[in-house]
N, C-alpha and C. Protein backbone atom coordinates (compact mmCIF):
# COMPACT_ATOMS: atom_id res chain seq x y z
N MET A 1 28.03 154.22 10.02
CA MET A 1 26.90 154.50 10.86
C MET A 1 25.58 154.08 10.20
N ILE A 2 25.56 154.00 8.88
CA ILE A 2 24.36 153.55 8.18
C ILE A 2 23.98 152.16 8.66
N ASN A 3 24.99 151.29 8.77
CA ASN A 3 24.72 149.93 9.23
C ASN A 3 24.13 149.91 10.63
N LEU A 4 24.61 150.80 11.51
CA LEU A 4 24.09 150.84 12.88
C LEU A 4 22.63 151.25 12.91
N ALA A 5 22.26 152.22 12.08
CA ALA A 5 20.87 152.67 12.03
C ALA A 5 19.96 151.56 11.52
N ILE A 6 20.39 150.89 10.45
CA ILE A 6 19.55 149.83 9.86
C ILE A 6 19.47 148.63 10.80
N GLN A 7 20.59 148.25 11.40
CA GLN A 7 20.57 147.12 12.34
C GLN A 7 19.68 147.43 13.55
N LEU A 8 19.71 148.67 14.02
CA LEU A 8 18.87 149.05 15.15
C LEU A 8 17.39 148.90 14.80
N LEU A 9 16.99 149.44 13.64
CA LEU A 9 15.59 149.35 13.23
C LEU A 9 15.16 147.90 13.04
N ALA A 10 16.01 147.11 12.40
CA ALA A 10 15.70 145.69 12.19
C ALA A 10 15.60 144.96 13.53
N GLY A 11 16.48 145.26 14.45
CA GLY A 11 16.44 144.63 15.77
C GLY A 11 15.18 144.98 16.54
N GLN A 12 14.79 146.25 16.50
CA GLN A 12 13.56 146.68 17.18
C GLN A 12 12.34 145.97 16.59
N LEU A 13 12.28 145.92 15.26
CA LEU A 13 11.17 145.26 14.58
C LEU A 13 11.17 143.77 14.88
N ASN A 14 12.32 143.16 14.88
CA ASN A 14 12.43 141.73 15.15
C ASN A 14 11.92 141.39 16.55
N GLN A 15 12.31 142.19 17.54
CA GLN A 15 11.84 141.97 18.92
C GLN A 15 10.31 142.04 18.98
N TYR A 16 9.75 143.02 18.30
CA TYR A 16 8.30 143.19 18.29
C TYR A 16 7.61 141.97 17.67
N LEU A 17 8.10 141.53 16.51
CA LEU A 17 7.48 140.38 15.83
C LEU A 17 7.66 139.10 16.64
N ARG A 18 8.80 138.92 17.26
CA ARG A 18 9.02 137.71 18.09
C ARG A 18 8.04 137.68 19.26
N ARG A 19 7.85 138.84 19.91
CA ARG A 19 6.90 138.91 21.04
C ARG A 19 5.47 138.72 20.57
N THR A 20 5.11 139.40 19.48
CA THR A 20 3.73 139.38 18.99
C THR A 20 3.30 137.98 18.57
N TYR A 21 4.18 137.27 17.88
CA TYR A 21 3.81 135.96 17.33
C TYR A 21 4.48 134.79 18.05
N ASN A 22 5.10 135.08 19.21
CA ASN A 22 5.74 134.05 20.03
C ASN A 22 6.67 133.17 19.17
N LEU A 23 7.59 133.83 18.46
CA LEU A 23 8.51 133.14 17.56
C LEU A 23 9.77 132.71 18.30
N GLY A 24 10.29 131.56 17.94
CA GLY A 24 11.51 131.06 18.56
C GLY A 24 12.78 131.50 17.86
N GLU A 25 12.64 132.07 16.67
CA GLU A 25 13.82 132.52 15.92
C GLU A 25 13.55 133.87 15.28
N ASP A 26 14.63 134.52 14.86
CA ASP A 26 14.50 135.82 14.22
C ASP A 26 13.80 135.68 12.88
N VAL A 27 12.93 136.64 12.58
CA VAL A 27 12.24 136.64 11.30
C VAL A 27 12.70 137.81 10.43
N VAL A 28 13.37 138.79 11.02
CA VAL A 28 13.85 139.96 10.29
C VAL A 28 15.35 139.82 10.06
N VAL A 29 15.76 139.99 8.80
CA VAL A 29 17.18 139.96 8.46
C VAL A 29 17.54 141.19 7.63
N VAL A 30 18.75 141.69 7.81
CA VAL A 30 19.28 142.77 6.98
C VAL A 30 20.15 142.09 5.94
N SER A 31 19.72 142.16 4.69
CA SER A 31 20.43 141.44 3.63
C SER A 31 19.97 141.92 2.27
N ASN A 32 20.77 141.65 1.25
CA ASN A 32 20.31 141.76 -0.13
C ASN A 32 19.35 140.61 -0.37
N LEU A 33 18.44 140.77 -1.31
CA LEU A 33 17.59 139.65 -1.71
C LEU A 33 18.33 138.70 -2.63
N LEU A 34 19.17 139.28 -3.50
CA LEU A 34 19.89 138.49 -4.49
C LEU A 34 21.38 138.74 -4.37
N GLU A 35 22.15 137.71 -4.70
CA GLU A 35 23.61 137.86 -4.78
C GLU A 35 23.95 138.55 -6.09
N MET A 36 25.20 138.93 -6.26
CA MET A 36 25.63 139.63 -7.47
C MET A 36 25.44 138.77 -8.73
N ASP A 37 25.50 137.45 -8.58
CA ASP A 37 25.33 136.57 -9.74
C ASP A 37 23.86 136.28 -10.06
N GLY A 38 22.94 136.90 -9.28
CA GLY A 38 21.51 136.73 -9.53
C GLY A 38 20.87 135.62 -8.72
N SER A 39 21.65 134.84 -8.01
CA SER A 39 21.09 133.77 -7.18
C SER A 39 20.49 134.36 -5.90
N VAL A 40 19.58 133.63 -5.30
CA VAL A 40 18.93 134.09 -4.07
C VAL A 40 19.95 134.13 -2.95
N ALA A 41 19.97 135.20 -2.19
CA ALA A 41 20.88 135.34 -1.06
C ALA A 41 20.57 134.28 -0.01
N ALA A 42 21.60 133.86 0.69
CA ALA A 42 21.43 132.86 1.74
C ALA A 42 20.63 133.44 2.90
N ASN A 43 19.85 132.62 3.55
CA ASN A 43 19.12 132.97 4.78
C ASN A 43 18.05 134.04 4.61
N VAL A 44 17.47 134.19 3.42
CA VAL A 44 16.40 135.17 3.26
C VAL A 44 15.04 134.52 2.99
N ASN A 45 15.01 133.20 2.85
CA ASN A 45 13.74 132.53 2.61
C ASN A 45 12.89 132.53 3.88
N ASN A 46 11.61 132.86 3.69
CA ASN A 46 10.65 132.94 4.79
C ASN A 46 11.10 133.93 5.86
N LYS A 47 11.60 135.07 5.41
CA LYS A 47 12.06 136.14 6.30
C LYS A 47 11.52 137.48 5.82
N LEU A 48 11.50 138.42 6.71
CA LEU A 48 11.23 139.81 6.36
C LEU A 48 12.61 140.44 6.15
N VAL A 49 12.90 140.79 4.91
CA VAL A 49 14.24 141.26 4.54
C VAL A 49 14.24 142.78 4.49
N VAL A 50 15.21 143.38 5.17
CA VAL A 50 15.38 144.83 5.20
C VAL A 50 16.65 145.15 4.43
N PHE A 51 16.53 146.04 3.42
CA PHE A 51 17.73 146.42 2.68
C PHE A 51 17.65 147.88 2.25
N LEU A 52 18.83 148.45 2.05
CA LEU A 52 18.97 149.85 1.67
C LEU A 52 18.76 150.00 0.17
N VAL A 53 17.89 150.95 -0.20
CA VAL A 53 17.60 151.21 -1.60
C VAL A 53 18.32 152.47 -2.08
N ASN A 54 18.44 153.48 -1.20
CA ASN A 54 19.06 154.74 -1.61
C ASN A 54 19.48 155.52 -0.38
N ILE A 55 20.46 156.41 -0.59
CA ILE A 55 20.91 157.35 0.44
C ILE A 55 20.81 158.73 -0.18
N GLU A 56 20.26 159.68 0.58
CA GLU A 56 20.10 161.04 0.08
C GLU A 56 20.50 162.00 1.18
N LYS A 57 21.34 162.99 0.85
CA LYS A 57 21.69 164.01 1.83
C LYS A 57 20.48 164.90 2.04
N ASP A 58 20.14 165.12 3.30
CA ASP A 58 19.01 165.97 3.62
C ASP A 58 19.40 167.41 3.31
N ALA A 59 18.56 168.11 2.57
CA ALA A 59 18.85 169.47 2.12
C ALA A 59 18.68 170.51 3.22
N VAL A 60 18.02 170.16 4.29
CA VAL A 60 17.76 171.12 5.37
C VAL A 60 18.73 170.86 6.51
N PRO A 61 19.72 171.74 6.71
CA PRO A 61 20.65 171.53 7.82
C PRO A 61 19.96 171.85 9.15
N PHE A 62 20.26 171.05 10.14
CA PHE A 62 19.65 171.26 11.45
C PHE A 62 20.60 171.99 12.39
N ARG A 63 21.89 171.78 12.24
CA ARG A 63 22.92 172.49 12.98
C ARG A 63 23.99 172.87 11.99
N GLN A 64 24.44 174.10 12.03
CA GLN A 64 25.46 174.52 11.08
C GLN A 64 26.86 174.15 11.54
N VAL A 65 27.19 174.42 12.78
CA VAL A 65 28.54 174.19 13.26
C VAL A 65 28.46 173.48 14.60
N SER A 66 29.31 172.52 14.75
CA SER A 66 29.40 171.79 16.00
C SER A 66 30.50 172.43 16.83
N SER A 67 30.23 172.75 18.10
CA SER A 67 31.26 173.34 18.94
C SER A 67 31.13 172.81 20.36
N HIS A 68 32.28 172.79 21.05
CA HIS A 68 32.33 172.29 22.41
C HIS A 68 33.23 173.22 23.22
N ASP A 69 32.82 173.56 24.43
CA ASP A 69 33.66 174.37 25.31
C ASP A 69 34.70 173.48 25.96
N VAL A 70 35.96 173.86 25.84
CA VAL A 70 37.05 173.15 26.49
C VAL A 70 37.92 174.19 27.17
N GLY A 71 37.82 174.26 28.48
CA GLY A 71 38.61 175.24 29.23
C GLY A 71 38.27 176.64 28.80
N ARG A 72 39.29 177.39 28.38
CA ARG A 72 39.10 178.77 27.99
C ARG A 72 39.05 178.92 26.47
N ARG A 73 38.85 177.80 25.76
CA ARG A 73 38.75 177.84 24.30
C ARG A 73 37.52 177.04 23.86
N GLU A 74 37.00 177.43 22.75
CA GLU A 74 35.89 176.68 22.17
C GLU A 74 36.44 175.89 20.99
N MET A 75 36.19 174.59 20.99
CA MET A 75 36.64 173.74 19.89
C MET A 75 35.54 173.73 18.84
N GLN A 76 35.92 173.96 17.61
CA GLN A 76 34.95 174.01 16.52
C GLN A 76 35.18 172.83 15.59
N GLY A 77 34.09 172.18 15.20
CA GLY A 77 34.18 171.04 14.30
C GLY A 77 33.33 171.25 13.07
N SER A 78 33.46 170.34 12.14
CA SER A 78 32.66 170.44 10.93
C SER A 78 31.20 170.11 11.26
N ALA A 79 30.31 170.68 10.49
CA ALA A 79 28.88 170.45 10.71
C ALA A 79 28.54 169.00 10.38
N PRO A 80 27.67 168.39 11.17
CA PRO A 80 27.28 167.00 10.87
C PRO A 80 26.41 166.95 9.61
N TYR A 81 26.43 165.81 8.96
CA TYR A 81 25.56 165.57 7.81
C TYR A 81 24.29 164.88 8.27
N TYR A 82 23.21 165.19 7.61
CA TYR A 82 21.94 164.51 7.86
C TYR A 82 21.52 163.84 6.56
N PHE A 83 21.12 162.58 6.68
CA PHE A 83 20.77 161.80 5.50
C PHE A 83 19.37 161.24 5.61
N ASN A 84 18.80 160.99 4.46
CA ASN A 84 17.59 160.19 4.35
C ASN A 84 18.03 158.83 3.82
N LEU A 85 17.67 157.78 4.53
CA LEU A 85 17.94 156.42 4.08
C LEU A 85 16.62 155.86 3.57
N TYR A 86 16.62 155.29 2.39
CA TYR A 86 15.42 154.67 1.85
C TYR A 86 15.56 153.16 2.06
N LEU A 87 14.71 152.62 2.93
CA LEU A 87 14.77 151.21 3.29
C LEU A 87 13.56 150.47 2.74
N MET A 88 13.81 149.32 2.16
CA MET A 88 12.74 148.45 1.69
C MET A 88 12.58 147.33 2.70
N MET A 89 11.36 147.10 3.12
CA MET A 89 11.01 145.98 3.99
C MET A 89 10.21 145.01 3.12
N THR A 90 10.79 143.86 2.85
CA THR A 90 10.23 142.91 1.89
C THR A 90 9.93 141.59 2.57
N ALA A 91 8.70 141.12 2.41
CA ALA A 91 8.30 139.83 2.97
C ALA A 91 8.61 138.75 1.94
N ASN A 92 9.69 138.02 2.16
CA ASN A 92 10.18 137.01 1.21
C ASN A 92 9.73 135.62 1.65
N PHE A 93 8.44 135.37 1.51
CA PHE A 93 7.86 134.08 1.90
C PHE A 93 7.38 133.39 0.63
N THR A 94 7.64 132.10 0.52
CA THR A 94 7.38 131.38 -0.71
C THR A 94 6.13 130.52 -0.62
N GLY A 95 5.61 130.18 -1.79
CA GLY A 95 4.53 129.21 -1.94
C GLY A 95 3.33 129.47 -1.07
N ASN A 96 2.99 128.48 -0.24
CA ASN A 96 1.80 128.55 0.61
C ASN A 96 1.94 129.52 1.76
N SER A 97 3.09 130.14 1.91
CA SER A 97 3.33 131.07 3.01
C SER A 97 3.01 132.52 2.65
N TYR A 98 2.30 132.73 1.54
CA TYR A 98 1.99 134.10 1.10
C TYR A 98 1.21 134.86 2.16
N SER A 99 0.29 134.19 2.83
CA SER A 99 -0.48 134.88 3.88
C SER A 99 0.43 135.28 5.04
N GLU A 100 1.48 134.50 5.30
CA GLU A 100 2.47 134.87 6.32
C GLU A 100 3.19 136.15 5.91
N ALA A 101 3.51 136.26 4.62
CA ALA A 101 4.17 137.45 4.10
C ALA A 101 3.31 138.68 4.39
N LEU A 102 2.03 138.58 4.11
CA LEU A 102 1.13 139.71 4.32
C LEU A 102 0.96 140.02 5.81
N LYS A 103 0.93 138.97 6.63
CA LYS A 103 0.81 139.15 8.08
C LYS A 103 2.01 139.91 8.63
N PHE A 104 3.22 139.50 8.25
CA PHE A 104 4.42 140.17 8.76
C PHE A 104 4.57 141.57 8.19
N LEU A 105 4.15 141.77 6.97
CA LEU A 105 4.21 143.11 6.39
C LEU A 105 3.22 144.04 7.10
N SER A 106 2.03 143.54 7.38
CA SER A 106 1.03 144.34 8.12
C SER A 106 1.54 144.69 9.51
N SER A 107 2.17 143.73 10.16
CA SER A 107 2.71 143.98 11.50
C SER A 107 3.86 144.98 11.47
N THR A 108 4.64 144.95 10.40
CA THR A 108 5.73 145.92 10.23
C THR A 108 5.15 147.32 10.13
N ILE A 109 4.12 147.48 9.33
CA ILE A 109 3.47 148.79 9.18
C ILE A 109 2.91 149.26 10.51
N SER A 110 2.26 148.36 11.22
CA SER A 110 1.70 148.69 12.53
C SER A 110 2.79 149.11 13.51
N PHE A 111 3.90 148.38 13.54
CA PHE A 111 4.99 148.70 14.46
C PHE A 111 5.55 150.09 14.19
N PHE A 112 5.85 150.38 12.92
CA PHE A 112 6.45 151.68 12.61
C PHE A 112 5.43 152.82 12.61
N GLN A 113 4.14 152.50 12.59
CA GLN A 113 3.13 153.54 12.77
C GLN A 113 3.15 153.99 14.24
N LYS A 114 3.30 153.03 15.14
CA LYS A 114 3.35 153.35 16.58
C LYS A 114 4.71 153.89 17.00
N ASN A 115 5.76 153.47 16.31
CA ASN A 115 7.13 153.81 16.69
C ASN A 115 7.84 154.50 15.53
N TYR A 116 7.27 155.59 15.05
CA TYR A 116 7.84 156.27 13.89
C TYR A 116 9.03 157.15 14.25
N VAL A 117 9.24 157.39 15.55
CA VAL A 117 10.43 158.10 16.01
C VAL A 117 11.19 157.17 16.94
N ILE A 118 12.44 156.92 16.59
CA ILE A 118 13.32 156.11 17.43
C ILE A 118 14.41 157.04 17.92
N ASP A 119 14.52 157.17 19.24
CA ASP A 119 15.55 158.04 19.81
C ASP A 119 16.22 157.33 20.98
N HIS A 120 17.03 158.05 21.73
CA HIS A 120 17.77 157.43 22.82
C HIS A 120 16.87 157.03 24.00
N GLN A 121 15.70 157.63 24.11
CA GLN A 121 14.75 157.22 25.16
C GLN A 121 14.09 155.90 24.80
N THR A 122 13.69 155.74 23.54
CA THR A 122 13.00 154.52 23.13
C THR A 122 13.98 153.40 22.81
N ALA A 123 15.22 153.75 22.48
CA ALA A 123 16.25 152.74 22.15
C ALA A 123 17.58 153.19 22.78
N PRO A 124 17.77 152.92 24.07
CA PRO A 124 19.00 153.35 24.74
C PRO A 124 20.28 152.81 24.10
N GLU A 125 20.17 151.71 23.38
CA GLU A 125 21.34 151.11 22.74
C GLU A 125 21.75 151.83 21.45
N MET A 126 21.00 152.85 21.03
CA MET A 126 21.32 153.58 19.81
C MET A 126 22.68 154.26 19.95
N ASP A 127 23.48 154.21 18.89
CA ASP A 127 24.79 154.83 18.87
C ASP A 127 24.66 156.32 19.20
N SER A 128 25.57 156.84 20.01
CA SER A 128 25.47 158.23 20.46
C SER A 128 25.64 159.24 19.33
N ARG A 129 26.23 158.83 18.21
CA ARG A 129 26.41 159.75 17.08
C ARG A 129 25.14 159.94 16.27
N ILE A 130 24.12 159.13 16.55
CA ILE A 130 22.84 159.25 15.87
C ILE A 130 21.87 159.94 16.83
N GLU A 131 21.30 161.06 16.41
CA GLU A 131 20.38 161.79 17.27
C GLU A 131 19.04 161.08 17.40
N LYS A 132 18.41 160.82 16.28
CA LYS A 132 17.15 160.10 16.26
C LYS A 132 16.85 159.68 14.84
N LEU A 133 15.94 158.75 14.70
CA LEU A 133 15.51 158.26 13.40
C LEU A 133 14.01 158.48 13.29
N ILE A 134 13.57 159.04 12.18
CA ILE A 134 12.14 159.28 11.95
C ILE A 134 11.76 158.54 10.68
N LEU A 135 10.75 157.69 10.78
CA LEU A 135 10.34 156.87 9.65
C LEU A 135 9.06 157.39 9.03
N ASP A 136 9.08 157.51 7.71
CA ASP A 136 7.91 157.90 6.93
C ASP A 136 7.75 156.89 5.80
N ILE A 137 6.52 156.49 5.53
CA ILE A 137 6.28 155.62 4.39
C ILE A 137 6.52 156.42 3.12
N GLU A 138 7.24 155.83 2.19
CA GLU A 138 7.52 156.46 0.91
C GLU A 138 6.60 155.83 -0.13
N ASN A 139 5.68 156.62 -0.66
CA ASN A 139 4.76 156.11 -1.68
C ASN A 139 5.45 156.03 -3.03
N LEU A 140 5.31 154.89 -3.67
CA LEU A 140 5.86 154.69 -5.01
C LEU A 140 4.71 154.40 -5.97
N SER A 141 4.77 155.01 -7.14
CA SER A 141 3.77 154.69 -8.16
C SER A 141 4.05 153.28 -8.68
N ILE A 142 3.08 152.70 -9.38
CA ILE A 142 3.26 151.37 -9.97
C ILE A 142 4.47 151.38 -10.90
N GLN A 143 4.62 152.44 -11.68
CA GLN A 143 5.76 152.55 -12.60
C GLN A 143 7.08 152.60 -11.84
N ASP A 144 7.15 153.43 -10.79
CA ASP A 144 8.37 153.52 -10.00
C ASP A 144 8.69 152.19 -9.32
N LEU A 145 7.66 151.54 -8.82
CA LEU A 145 7.84 150.24 -8.18
C LEU A 145 8.36 149.21 -9.18
N SER A 146 7.80 149.21 -10.37
CA SER A 146 8.25 148.31 -11.43
C SER A 146 9.70 148.58 -11.79
N ASN A 147 10.06 149.85 -11.93
CA ASN A 147 11.44 150.21 -12.25
C ASN A 147 12.40 149.79 -11.14
N LEU A 148 11.98 149.99 -9.89
CA LEU A 148 12.84 149.62 -8.76
C LEU A 148 13.09 148.12 -8.72
N TRP A 149 12.01 147.33 -8.83
CA TRP A 149 12.18 145.88 -8.79
C TRP A 149 12.97 145.39 -10.00
N GLY A 150 12.82 146.04 -11.13
CA GLY A 150 13.63 145.70 -12.30
C GLY A 150 15.11 145.99 -12.05
N ALA A 151 15.40 147.12 -11.43
CA ALA A 151 16.78 147.48 -11.11
C ALA A 151 17.38 146.54 -10.07
N LEU A 152 16.52 146.06 -9.16
CA LEU A 152 16.99 145.12 -8.14
C LEU A 152 17.26 143.74 -8.72
N GLY A 153 16.71 143.47 -9.89
CA GLY A 153 16.94 142.20 -10.54
C GLY A 153 16.03 141.09 -10.07
N GLY A 154 14.96 141.45 -9.40
CA GLY A 154 14.06 140.42 -8.88
C GLY A 154 12.64 140.64 -9.30
N LYS A 155 11.82 139.71 -8.94
CA LYS A 155 10.38 139.81 -9.18
C LYS A 155 9.76 140.44 -7.93
N TYR A 156 8.65 141.12 -8.15
CA TYR A 156 8.00 141.82 -7.04
C TYR A 156 7.65 140.87 -5.90
N LEU A 157 7.91 141.34 -4.69
CA LEU A 157 7.48 140.67 -3.46
C LEU A 157 6.73 141.70 -2.63
N PRO A 158 5.80 141.27 -1.79
CA PRO A 158 5.10 142.23 -0.92
C PRO A 158 6.12 143.04 -0.12
N SER A 159 6.01 144.35 -0.21
CA SER A 159 7.03 145.19 0.40
C SER A 159 6.49 146.59 0.68
N ILE A 160 7.25 147.31 1.49
CA ILE A 160 6.95 148.71 1.76
C ILE A 160 8.28 149.44 1.90
N MET A 161 8.32 150.67 1.39
CA MET A 161 9.54 151.46 1.50
C MET A 161 9.33 152.56 2.53
N TYR A 162 10.36 152.74 3.35
CA TYR A 162 10.37 153.80 4.34
C TYR A 162 11.52 154.75 4.06
N ARG A 163 11.26 156.02 4.28
CA ARG A 163 12.33 157.02 4.30
C ARG A 163 12.67 157.22 5.77
N VAL A 164 13.92 157.00 6.11
CA VAL A 164 14.39 157.18 7.48
C VAL A 164 15.15 158.50 7.51
N ARG A 165 14.61 159.47 8.23
CA ARG A 165 15.17 160.83 8.25
C ARG A 165 16.03 161.07 9.49
N MET A 166 16.94 162.03 9.34
CA MET A 166 17.76 162.56 10.43
C MET A 166 18.79 161.57 10.96
N VAL A 167 19.45 160.87 10.09
CA VAL A 167 20.59 160.08 10.51
C VAL A 167 21.78 161.03 10.48
N ALA A 168 22.34 161.36 11.62
CA ALA A 168 23.41 162.36 11.69
C ALA A 168 24.77 161.69 11.60
N PHE A 169 25.59 162.20 10.71
CA PHE A 169 26.99 161.78 10.63
C PHE A 169 27.80 162.92 11.22
N ASP A 170 28.30 162.75 12.41
CA ASP A 170 29.12 163.77 13.04
C ASP A 170 30.49 163.15 13.27
N ALA A 171 31.45 163.57 12.48
CA ALA A 171 32.79 163.00 12.57
C ALA A 171 33.47 163.38 13.88
N GLU A 172 32.96 164.37 14.56
CA GLU A 172 33.49 164.86 15.83
C GLU A 172 34.97 165.24 15.72
N ASP A 173 35.37 165.70 14.53
CA ASP A 173 36.74 166.14 14.35
C ASP A 173 36.85 167.60 14.71
N ILE A 174 38.02 168.02 15.10
CA ILE A 174 38.25 169.41 15.48
C ILE A 174 38.86 170.12 14.28
N THR A 175 38.19 171.18 13.84
CA THR A 175 38.70 171.93 12.69
C THR A 175 39.30 173.27 13.11
N GLY A 176 39.11 173.67 14.36
CA GLY A 176 39.68 174.93 14.81
C GLY A 176 39.47 175.13 16.29
N ARG A 177 40.25 176.06 16.83
CA ARG A 177 40.12 176.44 18.23
C ARG A 177 39.90 177.95 18.27
N ILE A 178 38.90 178.34 18.99
CA ILE A 178 38.54 179.75 19.06
C ILE A 178 38.65 180.18 20.51
N PRO A 179 39.48 181.19 20.83
CA PRO A 179 39.54 181.65 22.23
C PRO A 179 38.21 182.28 22.62
N LEU A 180 37.81 182.02 23.84
CA LEU A 180 36.57 182.62 24.33
C LEU A 180 36.84 184.08 24.65
N VAL A 181 35.93 184.92 24.26
CA VAL A 181 36.06 186.35 24.50
C VAL A 181 35.43 186.64 25.86
N SER A 182 36.21 187.30 26.69
CA SER A 182 35.67 187.64 28.01
C SER A 182 35.42 189.14 28.05
N GLU A 183 34.68 189.55 29.05
CA GLU A 183 34.39 190.97 29.19
C GLU A 183 35.66 191.73 29.51
N PRO A 184 35.82 192.91 28.93
CA PRO A 184 37.05 193.69 29.23
C PRO A 184 37.03 194.16 30.68
N LYS A 185 38.22 194.16 31.27
CA LYS A 185 38.34 194.65 32.65
C LYS A 185 38.42 196.17 32.61
N PRO A 186 37.69 196.81 33.52
CA PRO A 186 37.76 198.28 33.52
C PRO A 186 39.17 198.74 33.87
N SER A 187 39.63 199.74 33.16
CA SER A 187 40.97 200.28 33.43
C SER A 187 40.88 201.37 34.49
N VAL A 188 41.89 201.45 35.26
CA VAL A 188 41.94 202.46 36.32
C VAL A 188 42.58 203.72 35.75
N ARG A 189 41.93 204.86 35.91
CA ARG A 189 42.45 206.13 35.36
C ARG A 189 42.86 207.02 36.44
């Protein structure tokens, strides 16, 4: 489901950038910047690259138990998980295209400022297992940014990190059946 959330956000952003700048091709890609051998990943040049930096379980549960009424029994399932996804949006434009990098990065910030909540009303194509996505800019200190880019194995590129909150993982499995309790019938004496 992580892939569905990231692909949805990248698709929404891509549509916005294509309309805004009348582009004939996609400018947003979901990809690593570098391959495992350290070489530049294919198809990321002159693109806005979206990639996952970290996954964190949200400490605040929103629903404890999932249950559904089925006939005269209630089906009980395990509680869904909620995660924070840390996404980096990186403008990977080379040489004389540096101003393009800044333009697309600025437009990305503008888009997610206006559309910081993505739900089934704003994105009907969103997978039904995902309730909604809430985007917040994650501020990194210069030291943290340096450490992150060092861990990524690359040199700094214009980028912004977002924390995407409330990605629900609901396995929709049944862990128990509970008979519904009805009111007792009065006894005749």
